[in-house]
Amino acid sequence: MKPIIGITCNYDPRDTVIGVPGLGLPGQDWEFLAADYIYTIEKAGGIPTIIPYCREKKNIIALLEKVDGILISGGHDIDPLRYGARPMPYCGRIVPERDEYDLTIFHYGYEHKLPMLGICRGIQIMNVAMGGTVYQDLGQEAHLTHRYMGDMAPKNYPSHETLFSSGSLLHTIFGDKIRTNSFHHQGVCEPGKNVTITALAEDQAVEGIEITGGASFIVGVQWHPEMMFDAPEQLKLFQAFINSCKKNN
């Protein structure tokens, strides 16, 4: 049987978040997910299911009991208070409900030794959950090149090289280096407990981490490989993730 992969979704209380005429009514909040995550998990051999934001944690846990692996998706910035920092003007929009939801899911997955893959915000949530910190803006705080490409390039455009540490799981998957896209302005700063930085961009921005103490596959990446799933080398990451999840069937 194919492994079932629970994917976190975005939550936003604003009724303007979708912006599609005729969709919804004023005063509604929204839960949503980019379809690339779904397509990529399917293509890699898994069965994707969206884990909704629930106000009662017990309902989230009940869903997690039925999955074989977890993908923590991208989204809003994390509240700096979660990692002991004062929110700065260059921090983006935060959604405290999403922070609590993602952290609940990560801690459950870690304690129950579920394979996990974090993407963009997901890598940052993983690091914060383990006691690490995040740069609120790479340019302002780390003096690194602003990495958000926005409308400058297609979503699958490989804007820079990412290099992998010898002996790491990411190195086993990709080799020495690949080219990746870039749609973020924040990044991992100080790694948390059991967190090892295993991938760096050319300017030394953190692009990948691996976490020990839980399942054999707990990996976070800062780029968006789901947007590049048309490239066989990017699909390798998801195939490695799915293969680790099959052991939990």
C-alpha atoms as a PDB file:
ATOM      1  CA  MET A   1       0.000   0.000   0.000  1.00  0.00           C
ATOM      2  CA  LYS A   2       1.189   3.496  -0.780  1.00  0.00           C
ATOM      3  CA  PRO A   3       2.117   5.570   2.287  1.00  0.00           C
ATOM      4  CA  ILE A   4      -0.279   8.308   3.375  1.00  0.00           C
ATOM      5  CA  ILE A   5       1.430  11.689   3.666  1.00  0.00           C
ATOM      6  CA  GLY A   6      -0.148  14.377   5.823  1.00  0.00           C
ATOM      7  CA  ILE A   7       0.540  17.873   4.475  1.00  0.00           C
ATOM      8  CA  THR A   8       0.121  21.005   6.569  1.00  0.00           C
ATOM      9  CA  CYS A   9      -1.899  23.845   5.087  1.00  0.00           C
ATOM     10  CA  ASN A  10      -1.981  27.609   5.389  1.00  0.00           C
ATOM     11  CA  TYR A  11      -4.467  29.240   7.737  1.00  0.00           C
ATOM     12  CA  ASP A  12      -5.474  32.894   7.465  1.00  0.00           C
ATOM     13  CA  PRO A  13      -8.336  34.639   9.284  1.00  0.00           C
ATOM     14  CA  ARG A  14      -8.589  37.397   6.658  1.00  0.00           C
ATOM     15  CA  ASP A  15     -11.475  37.153   4.217  1.00  0.00           C
ATOM     16  CA  THR A  16      -9.398  38.893   1.511  1.00  0.00           C
ATOM     17  CA  VAL A  17      -6.725  36.206   1.289  1.00  0.00           C
ATOM     18  CA  ILE A  18      -8.140  34.410  -1.744  1.00  0.00           C
ATOM     19  CA  GLY A  19      -9.243  37.425  -3.767  1.00  0.00           C
ATOM     20  CA  VAL A  20     -11.262  35.420  -6.294  1.00  0.00           C
ATOM     21  CA  PRO A  21     -14.563  37.102  -7.251  1.00  0.00           C
ATOM     22  CA  GLY A  22     -17.559  35.034  -6.240  1.00  0.00           C
ATOM     23  CA  LEU A  23     -15.582  32.786  -3.890  1.00  0.00           C
ATOM     24  CA  GLY A  24     -16.700  32.887  -0.271  1.00  0.00           C
ATOM     25  CA  LEU A  25     -18.377  35.566   1.804  1.00  0.00           C
ATOM     26  CA  PRO A  26     -17.115  38.429   3.982  1.00  0.00           C
ATOM     27  CA  GLY A  27     -15.986  37.377   7.438  1.00  0.00           C
ATOM     28  CA  GLN A  28     -14.780  33.904   6.499  1.00  0.00           C
ATOM     29  CA  ASP A  29     -11.343  32.547   7.385  1.00  0.00           C
ATOM     30  CA  TRP A  30      -9.463  30.220   5.036  1.00  0.00           C
ATOM     31  CA  GLU A  31      -7.347  27.083   4.933  1.00  0.00           C
ATOM     32  CA  PHE A  32      -5.492  26.465   1.678  1.00  0.00           C
ATOM     33  CA  LEU A  33      -2.512  24.756   0.053  1.00  0.00           C
ATOM     34  CA  ALA A  34      -0.616  25.151  -3.220  1.00  0.00           C
ATOM     35  CA  ALA A  35      -1.437  22.171  -5.435  1.00  0.00           C
ATOM     36  CA  ASP A  36       2.243  21.538  -6.274  1.00  0.00           C
ATOM     37  CA  TYR A  37       2.634  19.768  -2.920  1.00  0.00           C
ATOM     38  CA  ILE A  38      -0.188  17.386  -3.817  1.00  0.00           C
ATOM     39  CA  TYR A  39       1.089  16.671  -7.323  1.00  0.00           C
ATOM     40  CA  THR A  40       4.644  16.026  -6.135  1.00  0.00           C
ATOM     41  CA  ILE A  41       3.675  13.565  -3.409  1.00  0.00           C
ATOM     42  CA  GLU A  42       1.527  11.704  -5.939  1.00  0.00           C
ATOM     43  CA  LYS A  43       4.322  11.640  -8.504  1.00  0.00           C
ATOM     44  CA  ALA A  44       6.775  10.317  -5.886  1.00  0.00           C
ATOM     45  CA  GLY A  45       4.441   7.435  -5.000  1.00  0.00           C
ATOM     46  CA  GLY A  46       2.542   8.645  -1.936  1.00  0.00           C
ATOM     47  CA  ILE A  47      -1.089   9.398  -1.130  1.00  0.00           C
ATOM     48  CA  PRO A  48      -1.407  13.071  -0.115  1.00  0.00           C
ATOM     49  CA  THR A  49      -3.925  14.264   2.466  1.00  0.00           C
ATOM     50  CA  ILE A  50      -4.267  17.792   3.806  1.00  0.00           C
ATOM     51  CA  ILE A  51      -4.176  18.180   7.590  1.00  0.00           C
ATOM     52  CA  PRO A  52      -6.596  21.012   8.401  1.00  0.00           C
ATOM     53  CA  TYR A  53      -6.050  23.579  11.106  1.00  0.00           C
ATOM     54  CA  CYS A  54      -8.356  22.480  13.929  1.00  0.00           C
ATOM     55  CA  ARG A  55      -9.102  24.498  17.029  1.00  0.00           C
ATOM     56  CA  GLU A  56      -9.001  21.327  19.120  1.00  0.00           C
ATOM     57  CA  LYS A  57      -5.557  19.693  19.151  1.00  0.00           C
ATOM     58  CA  LYS A  58      -7.062  16.274  19.791  1.00  0.00           C
ATOM     59  CA  ASN A  59      -8.608  16.335  16.331  1.00  0.00           C
ATOM     60  CA  ILE A  60      -5.240  17.075  14.721  1.00  0.00           C
ATOM     61  CA  ILE A  61      -3.682  14.219  16.692  1.00  0.00           C
ATOM     62  CA  ALA A  62      -6.457  11.846  15.598  1.00  0.00           C
ATOM     63  CA  LEU A  63      -5.583  12.593  11.975  1.00  0.00           C
ATOM     64  CA  LEU A  64      -1.845  12.242  12.566  1.00  0.00           C
ATOM     65  CA  GLU A  65      -2.399   8.756  13.957  1.00  0.00           C
ATOM     66  CA  LYS A  66      -3.437   7.683  10.463  1.00  0.00           C
ATOM     67  CA  VAL A  67      -0.502   9.028   8.401  1.00  0.00           C
ATOM     68  CA  ASP A  68       2.855   7.445   7.553  1.00  0.00           C
ATOM     69  CA  GLY A  69       4.764  10.691   7.115  1.00  0.00           C
ATOM     70  CA  ILE A  70       4.413  14.476   7.417  1.00  0.00           C
ATOM     71  CA  LEU A  71       5.230  17.309   5.013  1.00  0.00           C
ATOM     72  CA  ILE A  72       5.375  20.744   6.651  1.00  0.00           C
ATOM     73  CA  SER A  73       4.620  23.238   3.899  1.00  0.00           C
ATOM     74  CA  GLY A  74       5.524  26.878   3.334  1.00  0.00           C
ATOM     75  CA  GLY A  75       3.600  29.970   4.343  1.00  0.00           C
ATOM     76  CA  HIS A  76       3.714  33.023   6.606  1.00  0.00           C
ATOM     77  CA  ASP A  77       6.668  34.085   8.766  1.00  0.00           C
ATOM     78  CA  ILE A  78       6.978  32.523  12.226  1.00  0.00           C
ATOM     79  CA  ASP A  79       6.263  34.737  15.232  1.00  0.00           C
ATOM     80  CA  PRO A  80       9.741  35.773  16.521  1.00  0.00           C
ATOM     81  CA  LEU A  81       8.493  35.373  20.088  1.00  0.00           C
ATOM     82  CA  ARG A  82       8.523  31.630  19.386  1.00  0.00           C
ATOM     83  CA  TYR A  83      12.325  31.743  19.254  1.00  0.00           C
ATOM     84  CA  GLY A  84      12.921  34.411  21.877  1.00  0.00           C
ATOM     85  CA  ALA A  85      13.300  37.431  19.599  1.00  0.00           C
ATOM     86  CA  ARG A  86      11.561  40.782  19.448  1.00  0.00           C
ATOM     87  CA  PRO A  87       9.496  41.226  16.265  1.00  0.00           C
ATOM     88  CA  MET A  88      11.213  43.688  13.933  1.00  0.00           C
ATOM     89  CA  PRO A  89       9.608  45.882  11.243  1.00  0.00           C
ATOM     90  CA  TYR A  90      11.139  43.738   8.480  1.00  0.00           C
ATOM     91  CA  CYS A  91       9.474  40.568   9.740  1.00  0.00           C
ATOM     92  CA  GLY A  92       6.565  39.582   7.508  1.00  0.00           C
ATOM     93  CA  ARG A  93       2.972  38.776   8.433  1.00  0.00           C
ATOM     94  CA  ILE A  94       2.575  36.237  11.245  1.00  0.00           C
ATOM     95  CA  VAL A  95      -0.358  33.950  12.045  1.00  0.00           C
ATOM     96  CA  PRO A  96      -0.060  32.632  15.624  1.00  0.00           C
ATOM     97  CA  GLU A  97      -2.658  29.921  14.986  1.00  0.00           C
ATOM     98  CA  ARG A  98      -0.524  28.454  12.199  1.00  0.00           C
ATOM     99  CA  ASP A  99       2.569  28.488  14.425  1.00  0.00           C
ATOM    100  CA  GLU A 100       0.800  26.511  17.157  1.00  0.00           C
ATOM    101  CA  TYR A 101      -0.656  24.082  14.613  1.00  0.00           C
ATOM    102  CA  ASP A 102       2.686  23.422  12.885  1.00  0.00           C
ATOM    103  CA  LEU A 103       4.591  23.029  16.145  1.00  0.00           C
ATOM    104  CA  THR A 104       1.976  20.591  17.456  1.00  0.00           C
ATOM    105  CA  ILE A 105       2.326  18.527  14.290  1.00  0.00           C
ATOM    106  CA  PHE A 106       6.129  18.549  14.325  1.00  0.00           C
ATOM    107  CA  HIS A 107       6.364  17.515  17.982  1.00  0.00           C
ATOM    108  CA  TYR A 108       3.902  14.667  17.425  1.00  0.00           C
ATOM    109  CA  GLY A 109       5.873  13.460  14.397  1.00  0.00           C
ATOM    110  CA  TYR A 110       9.173  13.701  16.239  1.00  0.00           C
ATOM    111  CA  GLU A 111       7.932  11.840  19.320  1.00  0.00           C
ATOM    112  CA  HIS A 112       6.268   9.114  17.229  1.00  0.00           C
ATOM    113  CA  LYS A 113       9.241   8.756  14.888  1.00  0.00           C
ATOM    114  CA  LEU A 114       7.384   9.685  11.716  1.00  0.00           C
ATOM    115  CA  PRO A 115       9.475  10.667   8.681  1.00  0.00           C
ATOM    116  CA  MET A 116       9.134  14.396   8.050  1.00  0.00           C
ATOM    117  CA  LEU A 117      10.021  16.802   5.274  1.00  0.00           C
ATOM    118  CA  GLY A 118       9.904  20.568   5.840  1.00  0.00           C
ATOM    119  CA  ILE A 119       9.857  23.066   2.975  1.00  0.00           C
ATOM    120  CA  CYS A 120      10.609  26.816   3.262  1.00  0.00           C
ATOM    121  CA  ARG A 121       8.654  27.824   6.379  1.00  0.00           C
ATOM    122  CA  GLY A 122       8.771  24.110   7.197  1.00  0.00           C
ATOM    123  CA  ILE A 123      12.558  24.064   7.693  1.00  0.00           C
ATOM    124  CA  GLN A 124      12.238  27.089   9.964  1.00  0.00           C
ATOM    125  CA  ILE A 125       9.448  25.503  12.039  1.00  0.00           C
ATOM    126  CA  MET A 126      11.564  22.364  12.458  1.00  0.00           C
ATOM    127  CA  ASN A 127      14.512  24.384  13.728  1.00  0.00           C
ATOM    128  CA  VAL A 128      12.400  26.523  16.075  1.00  0.00           C
ATOM    129  CA  ALA A 129      10.674  23.407  17.441  1.00  0.00           C
ATOM    130  CA  MET A 130      14.123  22.061  18.396  1.00  0.00           C
ATOM    131  CA  GLY A 131      15.088  25.316  20.149  1.00  0.00           C
ATOM    132  CA  GLY A 132      16.819  27.044  17.232  1.00  0.00           C
ATOM    133  CA  THR A 133      16.392  30.556  15.853  1.00  0.00           C
ATOM    134  CA  VAL A 134      15.519  32.232  12.558  1.00  0.00           C
ATOM    135  CA  TYR A 135      16.757  35.365  10.829  1.00  0.00           C
ATOM    136  CA  GLN A 136      13.741  37.664  10.531  1.00  0.00           C
ATOM    137  CA  ASP A 137      15.245  38.943   7.287  1.00  0.00           C
ATOM    138  CA  LEU A 138      18.426  37.608   5.690  1.00  0.00           C
ATOM    139  CA  GLY A 139      19.447  40.967   4.298  1.00  0.00           C
ATOM    140  CA  GLN A 140      18.795  43.008   7.440  1.00  0.00           C
ATOM    141  CA  GLU A 141      20.169  40.589  10.033  1.00  0.00           C
ATOM    142  CA  ALA A 142      22.606  38.290   8.226  1.00  0.00           C
ATOM    143  CA  HIS A 143      23.703  40.782   5.542  1.00  0.00           C
ATOM    144  CA  LEU A 144      23.079  38.145   2.886  1.00  0.00           C
ATOM    145  CA  THR A 145      21.574  38.626  -0.559  1.00  0.00           C
ATOM    146  CA  HIS A 146      17.808  38.972  -0.362  1.00  0.00           C
ATOM    147  CA  ARG A 147      16.630  35.620  -1.669  1.00  0.00           C
ATOM    148  CA  TYR A 148      12.995  36.213  -2.615  1.00  0.00           C
ATOM    149  CA  MET A 149      12.668  36.076  -6.412  1.00  0.00           C
ATOM    150  CA  GLY A 150       8.964  36.971  -6.463  1.00  0.00           C
ATOM    151  CA  ASP A 151       7.826  37.903  -9.962  1.00  0.00           C
ATOM    152  CA  MET A 152      11.414  38.045 -11.238  1.00  0.00           C
ATOM    153  CA  ALA A 153      11.425  34.423 -12.425  1.00  0.00           C
ATOM    154  CA  PRO A 154       9.194  31.374 -12.983  1.00  0.00           C
ATOM    155  CA  LYS A 155       8.560  29.237  -9.906  1.00  0.00           C
ATOM    156  CA  ASN A 156      10.874  26.472 -11.165  1.00  0.00           C
ATOM    157  CA  TYR A 157      13.745  28.788 -12.118  1.00  0.00           C
ATOM    158  CA  PRO A 158      17.052  27.557 -10.567  1.00  0.00           C
ATOM    159  CA  SER A 159      18.443  30.886  -9.368  1.00  0.00           C
ATOM    160  CA  HIS A 160      21.499  29.698  -7.397  1.00  0.00           C
ATOM    161  CA  GLU A 161      23.600  26.709  -6.398  1.00  0.00           C
ATOM    162  CA  THR A 162      23.038  24.763  -3.193  1.00  0.00           C
ATOM    163  CA  LEU A 163      25.945  22.717  -1.847  1.00  0.00           C
ATOM    164  CA  PHE A 164      25.588  19.646   0.398  1.00  0.00           C
ATOM    165  CA  SER A 165      27.788  18.401   3.247  1.00  0.00           C
ATOM    166  CA  SER A 166      29.645  15.172   2.585  1.00  0.00           C
ATOM    167  CA  GLY A 167      28.125  12.225   4.454  1.00  0.00           C
ATOM    168  CA  SER A 168      24.724  13.870   4.901  1.00  0.00           C
ATOM    169  CA  LEU A 169      21.426  12.404   3.776  1.00  0.00           C
ATOM    170  CA  LEU A 170      20.950  15.301   1.367  1.00  0.00           C
ATOM    171  CA  HIS A 171      24.378  14.578  -0.127  1.00  0.00           C
ATOM    172  CA  THR A 172      23.344  10.946  -0.589  1.00  0.00           C
ATOM    173  CA  ILE A 173      20.238  12.119  -2.446  1.00  0.00           C
ATOM    174  CA  PHE A 174      21.702  14.936  -4.560  1.00  0.00           C
ATOM    175  CA  GLY A 175      25.492  14.618  -4.620  1.00  0.00           C
ATOM    176  CA  ASP A 176      27.760  17.638  -4.134  1.00  0.00           C
ATOM    177  CA  LYS A 177      25.437  20.358  -5.425  1.00  0.00           C
ATOM    178  CA  ILE A 178      22.368  21.271  -7.441  1.00  0.00           C
ATOM    179  CA  ARG A 179      20.727  24.486  -8.580  1.00  0.00           C
ATOM    180  CA  THR A 180      17.621  25.532  -6.675  1.00  0.00           C
ATOM    181  CA  ASN A 181      14.941  28.223  -6.743  1.00  0.00           C
ATOM    182  CA  SER A 182      14.528  30.928  -4.094  1.00  0.00           C
ATOM    183  CA  PHE A 183      11.292  32.352  -2.675  1.00  0.00           C
ATOM    184  CA  HIS A 184      12.057  33.388   0.905  1.00  0.00           C
ATOM    185  CA  HIS A 185      13.426  36.319   2.900  1.00  0.00           C
ATOM    186  CA  GLN A 186      13.986  34.472   6.197  1.00  0.00           C
ATOM    187  CA  GLY A 187      16.252  31.555   7.048  1.00  0.00           C
ATOM    188  CA  VAL A 188      17.718  29.329   9.749  1.00  0.00           C
ATOM    189  CA  CYS A 189      20.106  31.161  12.093  1.00  0.00           C
ATOM    190  CA  GLU A 190      21.278  29.152  15.143  1.00  0.00           C
ATOM    191  CA  PRO A 191      20.524  25.426  14.800  1.00  0.00           C
ATOM    192  CA  GLY A 192      18.502  23.803  17.576  1.00  0.00           C
ATOM    193  CA  LYS A 193      19.195  20.628  19.539  1.00  0.00           C
ATOM    194  CA  ASN A 194      19.950  17.608  17.319  1.00  0.00           C
ATOM    195  CA  VAL A 195      19.831  19.885  14.243  1.00  0.00           C
ATOM    196  CA  THR A 196      22.706  19.731  11.755  1.00  0.00           C
ATOM    197  CA  ILE A 197      23.070  22.191   8.889  1.00  0.00           C
ATOM    198  CA  THR A 198      23.801  20.080   5.805  1.00  0.00           C
ATOM    199  CA  ALA A 199      23.196  22.447   2.877  1.00  0.00           C
ATOM    200  CA  LEU A 200      24.294  26.007   2.143  1.00  0.00           C
ATOM    201  CA  ALA A 201      23.708  28.447  -0.691  1.00  0.00           C
ATOM    202  CA  GLU A 202      26.636  30.167  -2.371  1.00  0.00           C
ATOM    203  CA  ASP A 203      26.300  33.125   0.014  1.00  0.00           C
ATOM    204  CA  GLN A 204      26.217  30.771   3.056  1.00  0.00           C
ATOM    205  CA  ALA A 205      22.467  31.033   3.652  1.00  0.00           C
ATOM    206  CA  VAL A 206      21.186  27.779   5.154  1.00  0.00           C
ATOM    207  CA  GLU A 207      19.358  25.670   2.562  1.00  0.00           C
ATOM    208  CA  GLY A 208      19.058  22.335   4.360  1.00  0.00           C
ATOM    209  CA  ILE A 209      19.019  20.740   7.813  1.00  0.00           C
ATOM    210  CA  GLU A 210      18.764  17.214   9.163  1.00  0.00           C
ATOM    211  CA  ILE A 211      17.492  16.262  12.611  1.00  0.00           C
ATOM    212  CA  THR A 212      18.406  13.213  14.679  1.00  0.00           C
ATOM    213  CA  GLY A 213      16.607  11.615  17.617  1.00  0.00           C
ATOM    214  CA  GLY A 214      13.362  10.848  15.812  1.00  0.00           C
ATOM    215  CA  ALA A 215      12.770   8.994  12.567  1.00  0.00           C
ATOM    216  CA  SER A 216      15.696   8.254  10.249  1.00  0.00           C
ATOM    217  CA  PHE A 217      14.370  10.870   7.785  1.00  0.00           C
ATOM    218  CA  ILE A 218      13.736  14.346   9.238  1.00  0.00           C
ATOM    219  CA  VAL A 219      14.902  16.825   6.627  1.00  0.00           C
ATOM    220  CA  GLY A 220      14.180  20.488   6.043  1.00  0.00           C
ATOM    221  CA  VAL A 221      14.990  22.457   2.888  1.00  0.00           C
ATOM    222  CA  GLN A 222      14.714  26.199   2.336  1.00  0.00           C
ATOM    223  CA  TRP A 223      14.050  26.109  -1.394  1.00  0.00           C
ATOM    224  CA  HIS A 224      10.790  24.932  -2.995  1.00  0.00           C
ATOM    225  CA  PRO A 225      11.471  21.541  -4.647  1.00  0.00           C
ATOM    226  CA  GLU A 226       7.723  20.976  -5.088  1.00  0.00           C
ATOM    227  CA  MET A 227       7.719  23.878  -7.558  1.00  0.00           C
ATOM    228  CA  MET A 228      10.502  22.112  -9.492  1.00  0.00           C
ATOM    229  CA  PHE A 229       9.039  18.597  -9.572  1.00  0.00           C
ATOM    230  CA  ASP A 230       9.343  18.565 -13.359  1.00  0.00           C
ATOM    231  CA  ALA A 231      13.118  18.185 -12.783  1.00  0.00           C
ATOM    232  CA  PRO A 232      14.072  14.528 -12.055  1.00  0.00           C
ATOM    233  CA  GLU A 233      16.815  15.559  -9.611  1.00  0.00           C
ATOM    234  CA  GLN A 234      14.311  17.491  -7.467  1.00  0.00           C
ATOM    235  CA  LEU A 235      11.919  14.543  -7.402  1.00  0.00           C
ATOM    236  CA  LYS A 236      14.674  12.453  -5.794  1.00  0.00           C
ATOM    237  CA  LEU A 237      14.100  14.249  -2.493  1.00  0.00           C
ATOM    238  CA  PHE A 238      10.427  13.284  -2.437  1.00  0.00           C
ATOM    239  CA  GLN A 239      11.160   9.722  -3.515  1.00  0.00           C
ATOM    240  CA  ALA A 240      13.634   9.340  -0.635  1.00  0.00           C
ATOM    241  CA  PHE A 241      11.012  10.771   1.731  1.00  0.00           C
ATOM    242  CA  ILE A 242       8.285   8.439   0.433  1.00  0.00           C
ATOM    243  CA  ASN A 243      10.583   5.420   0.660  1.00  0.00           C
ATOM    244  CA  SER A 244      11.238   6.186   4.325  1.00  0.00           C
ATOM    245  CA  CYS A 245       7.490   6.520   4.900  1.00  0.00           C
ATOM    246  CA  LYS A 246       6.816   3.080   3.387  1.00  0.00           C
ATOM    247  CA  LYS A 247       8.550   1.532   6.395  1.00  0.00           C
ATOM    248  CA  ASN A 248       5.741   2.904   8.590  1.00  0.00           C
ATOM    249  CA  ASN A 249       2.890   1.311   6.584  1.00  0.00           C
END
